[in-house]
N, C-alpha and C. Protein backbone atom coordinates (compact mmCIF):
# COMPACT_ATOMS: atom_id res chain seq x y z
N UNK A 1 7.43 -2.41 0.74
CA UNK A 1 6.90 -2.11 2.04
C UNK A 1 6.23 -3.36 2.58
N UNK A 2 6.04 -3.41 3.89
CA UNK A 2 5.40 -4.58 4.48
C UNK A 2 4.48 -4.14 5.61
N UNK A 3 3.60 -5.05 6.04
CA UNK A 3 2.61 -4.76 7.08
C UNK A 3 2.24 -6.05 7.79
N UNK A 4 1.50 -5.91 8.89
CA UNK A 4 1.00 -7.07 9.63
C UNK A 4 -0.30 -7.54 9.00
N UNK A 5 -0.51 -8.85 8.99
CA UNK A 5 -1.73 -9.42 8.42
C UNK A 5 -2.95 -8.96 9.23
N UNK A 6 -4.05 -8.66 8.54
CA UNK A 6 -5.29 -8.22 9.18
C UNK A 6 -6.23 -9.43 9.25
N UNK A 7 -6.79 -9.73 10.43
CA UNK A 7 -7.69 -10.87 10.55
C UNK A 7 -8.87 -10.78 9.57
N UNK A 8 -9.19 -11.89 8.93
CA UNK A 8 -10.30 -12.02 7.99
C UNK A 8 -10.15 -11.21 6.70
N UNK A 9 -8.96 -10.72 6.42
CA UNK A 9 -8.75 -9.98 5.17
C UNK A 9 -8.88 -10.92 3.98
N UNK A 10 -9.61 -10.48 2.96
CA UNK A 10 -9.74 -11.24 1.71
C UNK A 10 -8.65 -10.85 0.73
N UNK A 11 -8.26 -9.59 0.78
CA UNK A 11 -7.16 -9.07 -0.03
C UNK A 11 -6.78 -7.71 0.52
N UNK A 12 -5.69 -7.16 0.00
CA UNK A 12 -5.21 -5.86 0.44
C UNK A 12 -5.13 -4.90 -0.74
N UNK A 13 -5.13 -3.62 -0.41
CA UNK A 13 -4.94 -2.58 -1.41
C UNK A 13 -3.90 -1.59 -0.91
N UNK A 14 -3.20 -0.98 -1.84
CA UNK A 14 -2.17 0.01 -1.52
C UNK A 14 -2.51 1.29 -2.25
N UNK A 15 -2.43 2.41 -1.53
CA UNK A 15 -2.64 3.72 -2.14
C UNK A 15 -1.41 4.57 -1.87
N UNK A 16 -1.15 5.49 -2.79
CA UNK A 16 -0.02 6.42 -2.65
C UNK A 16 -0.56 7.84 -2.78
N UNK A 17 0.00 8.76 -2.03
CA UNK A 17 -0.42 10.16 -2.05
C UNK A 17 0.39 10.88 -3.11
N UNK A 18 -0.29 11.27 -4.21
CA UNK A 18 0.37 11.95 -5.33
C UNK A 18 -0.43 13.19 -5.71
N UNK A 19 0.24 14.29 -5.95
CA UNK A 19 -0.39 15.52 -6.42
C UNK A 19 -1.59 15.92 -5.55
N UNK A 20 -1.46 15.76 -4.23
CA UNK A 20 -2.50 16.19 -3.32
C UNK A 20 -3.68 15.26 -3.17
N UNK A 21 -3.61 14.04 -3.76
CA UNK A 21 -4.71 13.08 -3.68
C UNK A 21 -4.18 11.68 -3.45
N UNK A 22 -5.03 10.85 -2.83
CA UNK A 22 -4.69 9.42 -2.70
C UNK A 22 -5.06 8.71 -3.99
N UNK A 23 -4.13 7.91 -4.50
CA UNK A 23 -4.36 7.14 -5.72
C UNK A 23 -4.10 5.66 -5.42
N UNK A 24 -5.08 4.82 -5.76
CA UNK A 24 -4.92 3.38 -5.56
C UNK A 24 -3.95 2.85 -6.61
N UNK A 25 -2.91 2.16 -6.15
CA UNK A 25 -1.94 1.59 -7.08
C UNK A 25 -2.13 0.09 -7.27
N UNK A 26 -2.75 -0.56 -6.30
CA UNK A 26 -3.06 -1.99 -6.43
C UNK A 26 -4.13 -2.33 -5.39
N UNK A 27 -5.16 -3.06 -5.81
CA UNK A 27 -6.20 -3.47 -4.86
C UNK A 27 -6.49 -4.96 -4.96
N UNK A 28 -5.53 -5.70 -5.47
CA UNK A 28 -5.70 -7.15 -5.63
C UNK A 28 -4.54 -7.92 -5.03
N UNK A 29 -4.03 -7.47 -3.90
CA UNK A 29 -2.92 -8.15 -3.25
C UNK A 29 -3.52 -9.30 -2.43
N UNK A 30 -3.07 -10.54 -2.65
CA UNK A 30 -3.65 -11.69 -1.95
C UNK A 30 -3.56 -11.56 -0.42
N UNK A 31 -4.53 -12.14 0.27
CA UNK A 31 -4.62 -12.04 1.73
C UNK A 31 -3.42 -12.63 2.46
N UNK A 32 -2.74 -13.59 1.84
CA UNK A 32 -1.58 -14.20 2.49
C UNK A 32 -0.28 -13.45 2.20
N UNK A 33 -0.38 -12.30 1.54
CA UNK A 33 0.79 -11.49 1.21
C UNK A 33 0.81 -10.26 2.12
N UNK A 34 1.96 -9.98 2.69
CA UNK A 34 2.09 -8.80 3.56
C UNK A 34 3.26 -7.91 3.13
N UNK A 35 3.60 -7.98 1.85
CA UNK A 35 4.62 -7.10 1.29
C UNK A 35 4.14 -6.61 -0.07
N UNK A 36 4.68 -5.48 -0.49
CA UNK A 36 4.31 -4.94 -1.78
C UNK A 36 5.48 -4.16 -2.36
N UNK A 37 5.75 -4.39 -3.64
CA UNK A 37 6.74 -3.64 -4.38
C UNK A 37 6.05 -3.09 -5.62
N UNK A 38 6.04 -1.78 -5.76
CA UNK A 38 5.33 -1.16 -6.89
C UNK A 38 6.26 -0.96 -8.07
N UNK A 39 5.83 -1.44 -9.25
CA UNK A 39 6.62 -1.17 -10.45
C UNK A 39 6.36 0.24 -10.99
N UNK A 40 5.34 0.94 -10.44
CA UNK A 40 4.94 2.24 -10.97
C UNK A 40 5.66 3.42 -10.32
N UNK A 41 6.21 3.22 -9.13
CA UNK A 41 6.86 4.32 -8.44
C UNK A 41 8.30 4.47 -8.93
N UNK A 42 8.75 5.71 -8.97
CA UNK A 42 10.04 6.01 -9.56
C UNK A 42 11.18 5.96 -8.55
N UNK A 43 12.31 5.40 -8.94
CA UNK A 43 13.48 5.37 -8.06
C UNK A 43 13.91 6.79 -7.70
N UNK A 44 14.42 6.95 -6.48
CA UNK A 44 14.93 8.23 -6.04
C UNK A 44 13.88 9.18 -5.50
N UNK A 45 12.60 8.81 -5.56
CA UNK A 45 11.51 9.64 -5.06
C UNK A 45 11.07 9.11 -3.70
N UNK A 46 10.41 9.97 -2.92
CA UNK A 46 9.87 9.58 -1.62
C UNK A 46 8.35 9.64 -1.70
N UNK A 47 7.67 8.63 -1.16
CA UNK A 47 6.22 8.51 -1.27
C UNK A 47 5.56 8.28 0.09
N UNK A 48 4.36 8.82 0.27
CA UNK A 48 3.51 8.56 1.43
C UNK A 48 2.50 7.52 0.98
N UNK A 49 2.39 6.39 1.73
CA UNK A 49 1.56 5.28 1.28
C UNK A 49 0.63 4.80 2.38
N UNK A 50 -0.44 4.07 1.98
CA UNK A 50 -1.43 3.55 2.90
C UNK A 50 -1.84 2.15 2.47
N UNK A 51 -2.13 1.30 3.46
CA UNK A 51 -2.60 -0.07 3.22
C UNK A 51 -4.07 -0.15 3.62
N UNK A 52 -4.87 -0.88 2.85
CA UNK A 52 -6.26 -1.14 3.20
C UNK A 52 -6.54 -2.63 3.06
N UNK A 53 -7.55 -3.13 3.78
CA UNK A 53 -7.92 -4.55 3.71
C UNK A 53 -9.38 -4.67 3.33
N UNK A 54 -9.68 -5.66 2.49
CA UNK A 54 -11.06 -5.99 2.15
C UNK A 54 -11.49 -7.11 3.09
N UNK A 55 -12.55 -6.82 3.89
CA UNK A 55 -13.06 -7.78 4.88
C UNK A 55 -14.56 -7.93 4.66
N UNK A 56 -15.02 -9.18 4.57
CA UNK A 56 -16.43 -9.47 4.33
C UNK A 56 -16.97 -8.76 3.09
N UNK A 57 -16.16 -8.73 2.05
CA UNK A 57 -16.59 -8.16 0.77
C UNK A 57 -16.54 -6.65 0.68
N UNK A 58 -16.11 -5.97 1.75
CA UNK A 58 -16.06 -4.51 1.75
C UNK A 58 -14.68 -4.04 2.18
N UNK A 59 -14.28 -2.91 1.63
CA UNK A 59 -13.02 -2.32 2.04
C UNK A 59 -13.19 -1.72 3.42
N UNK A 60 -12.38 -2.16 4.35
CA UNK A 60 -12.43 -1.68 5.73
C UNK A 60 -11.67 -0.36 5.81
N UNK A 61 -12.40 0.73 5.96
CA UNK A 61 -11.79 2.05 6.00
C UNK A 61 -11.85 2.68 7.39
N UNK A 62 -12.14 1.86 8.40
CA UNK A 62 -12.14 2.39 9.76
C UNK A 62 -10.71 2.73 10.16
N UNK A 63 -10.56 3.76 10.93
CA UNK A 63 -9.24 4.20 11.42
C UNK A 63 -8.24 4.42 10.29
N UNK A 64 -8.71 5.02 9.21
CA UNK A 64 -7.84 5.23 8.05
C UNK A 64 -6.58 5.98 8.43
N UNK A 65 -6.70 7.00 9.26
CA UNK A 65 -5.52 7.79 9.61
C UNK A 65 -4.45 6.95 10.29
N UNK A 66 -4.84 5.91 11.02
CA UNK A 66 -3.84 5.06 11.66
C UNK A 66 -3.17 4.12 10.66
N UNK A 67 -3.74 3.97 9.48
CA UNK A 67 -3.17 3.07 8.47
C UNK A 67 -2.21 3.77 7.53
N UNK A 68 -2.21 5.09 7.59
CA UNK A 68 -1.27 5.82 6.74
C UNK A 68 0.12 5.57 7.31
N UNK A 69 1.00 5.17 6.46
CA UNK A 69 2.36 4.91 6.90
C UNK A 69 3.06 6.26 7.02
N UNK A 70 3.27 6.69 8.23
CA UNK A 70 3.84 8.01 8.46
C UNK A 70 5.33 8.06 8.15
N UNK A 71 5.90 6.92 7.95
CA UNK A 71 7.26 6.95 7.45
C UNK A 71 7.15 6.99 5.92
N UNK A 72 8.00 7.71 5.30
CA UNK A 72 7.95 7.85 3.86
C UNK A 72 8.90 6.83 3.26
N UNK A 73 8.52 6.30 2.13
CA UNK A 73 9.32 5.27 1.49
C UNK A 73 10.16 5.86 0.38
N UNK A 74 11.44 5.61 0.46
CA UNK A 74 12.36 6.00 -0.59
C UNK A 74 12.47 4.82 -1.53
N UNK A 75 12.08 5.01 -2.77
CA UNK A 75 12.11 3.94 -3.75
C UNK A 75 13.51 3.88 -4.36
N UNK A 76 14.08 2.70 -4.36
CA UNK A 76 15.40 2.52 -4.94
C UNK A 76 15.29 1.58 -6.13
N UNK A 77 16.18 1.72 -7.03
CA UNK A 77 16.18 0.88 -8.22
C UNK A 77 16.87 -0.44 -7.89
N UNK A 78 16.13 -1.54 -8.00
CA UNK A 78 16.68 -2.84 -7.70
C UNK A 78 17.29 -3.52 -8.93
N UNK A 79 16.91 -3.04 -10.09
CA UNK A 79 17.38 -3.67 -11.32
C UNK A 79 17.67 -2.58 -12.35
N UNK A 80 18.82 -2.65 -12.92
CA UNK A 80 19.18 -1.72 -13.99
C UNK A 80 19.60 -2.53 -15.20
N UNK A 81 18.87 -2.37 -16.31
CA UNK A 81 19.23 -3.16 -17.51
C UNK A 81 20.55 -2.71 -18.10
């Protein structure tokens, strides 16, 4: 998945909605990165995900509902051993 860079972001975090709750899957994505590929999500499943930014040492949670990616991501297998 990808997103637009947030001004003054120190890093990004990604959460996924699983079993009725939001679960953080990564919160150490560098500020110059605007894409994320999760090794934890299973191929063939669809997920609801959200991006957050850490600004001035705090996680910016304003307008959280607008950050939820309302499109669902279908995870595909990019590598098969």
